[in-house]
């Protein structure tokens, strides 16, 4: 599906410089992947399924502000 959509939507202008061609392709890839996979709503709650992690892992995550 990705390959087919990329062929349909890719617009690589050969008359631009390398930066503009790179940006065009990167934007196309992001747009196609967003269509196919969707987009997350942002950072989810990491602590939902962390009860089984050992104390060492939980301590490190708390120190990094992830719990």
Protein backbone atom coordinates (compact mmCIF):
# COMPACT_ATOMS: atom_id res chain seq x y z
CA UNK A 1 0.00 0.00 0.00
CA UNK A 2 2.81 2.39 0.92
CA UNK A 3 4.65 1.81 -2.35
CA UNK A 4 1.51 2.32 -4.42
CA UNK A 5 0.56 5.54 -2.65
CA UNK A 6 4.11 6.86 -2.94
CA UNK A 7 4.08 6.31 -6.70
CA UNK A 8 0.73 8.10 -6.94
CA UNK A 9 1.63 11.09 -4.77
CA UNK A 10 5.36 11.56 -5.25
CA UNK A 11 6.12 14.81 -6.98
CA UNK A 12 9.85 15.06 -7.39
CA UNK A 13 10.64 18.22 -9.32
CA UNK A 14 14.01 17.75 -10.96
CA UNK A 15 14.43 21.46 -11.65
CA UNK A 16 14.92 22.41 -7.98
CA UNK A 17 17.97 22.15 -5.80
CA UNK A 18 18.71 19.07 -3.70
CA UNK A 19 17.24 20.62 -0.54
CA UNK A 20 13.88 21.32 -2.15
CA UNK A 21 13.75 17.81 -3.68
CA UNK A 22 14.61 16.31 -0.28
CA UNK A 23 11.91 18.36 1.48
CA UNK A 24 9.31 17.44 -1.14
CA UNK A 25 10.04 13.72 -0.79
CA UNK A 26 10.16 13.89 3.04
CA UNK A 27 6.80 15.68 3.15
CA UNK A 28 5.29 13.14 0.77
CA UNK A 29 6.54 10.23 2.90
CA UNK A 30 5.12 11.82 6.07
CA UNK A 31 1.77 12.52 4.40
CA UNK A 32 1.43 8.97 3.02
CA UNK A 33 2.41 7.37 6.33
CA UNK A 34 -0.07 9.58 8.18
CA UNK A 35 -2.80 8.44 5.77
CA UNK A 36 -1.90 4.76 6.18
CA UNK A 37 -1.00 4.59 9.86
CA UNK A 38 -2.76 7.55 11.42
CA UNK A 39 -1.29 9.90 13.96
CA UNK A 40 -0.82 9.47 17.68
CA UNK A 41 -2.35 11.93 20.09
CA UNK A 42 0.98 12.53 21.81
CA UNK A 43 2.65 11.13 24.88
CA UNK A 44 0.48 8.53 26.51
CA UNK A 45 0.53 7.42 30.09
CA UNK A 46 3.50 5.13 30.59
CA UNK A 47 2.41 3.92 34.03
CA UNK A 48 -0.61 1.84 32.93
CA UNK A 49 1.25 -1.45 32.62
CA UNK A 50 4.35 -0.78 34.72
CA UNK A 51 3.31 -2.61 37.89
CA UNK A 52 5.30 -5.70 36.90
CA UNK A 53 8.60 -3.85 36.26
CA UNK A 54 11.25 -4.47 38.91
CA UNK A 55 12.30 -1.79 41.40
CA UNK A 56 15.47 -0.88 39.49
CA UNK A 57 13.58 -0.08 36.28
CA UNK A 58 10.90 1.87 38.14
CA UNK A 59 13.54 3.91 40.01
CA UNK A 60 15.32 4.86 36.78
CA UNK A 61 12.06 5.87 35.10
CA UNK A 62 11.05 7.97 38.11
CA UNK A 63 14.44 9.73 38.07
CA UNK A 64 13.94 10.58 34.40
CA UNK A 65 10.42 11.86 35.04
CA UNK A 66 8.80 9.16 32.98
CA UNK A 67 6.61 7.77 35.77
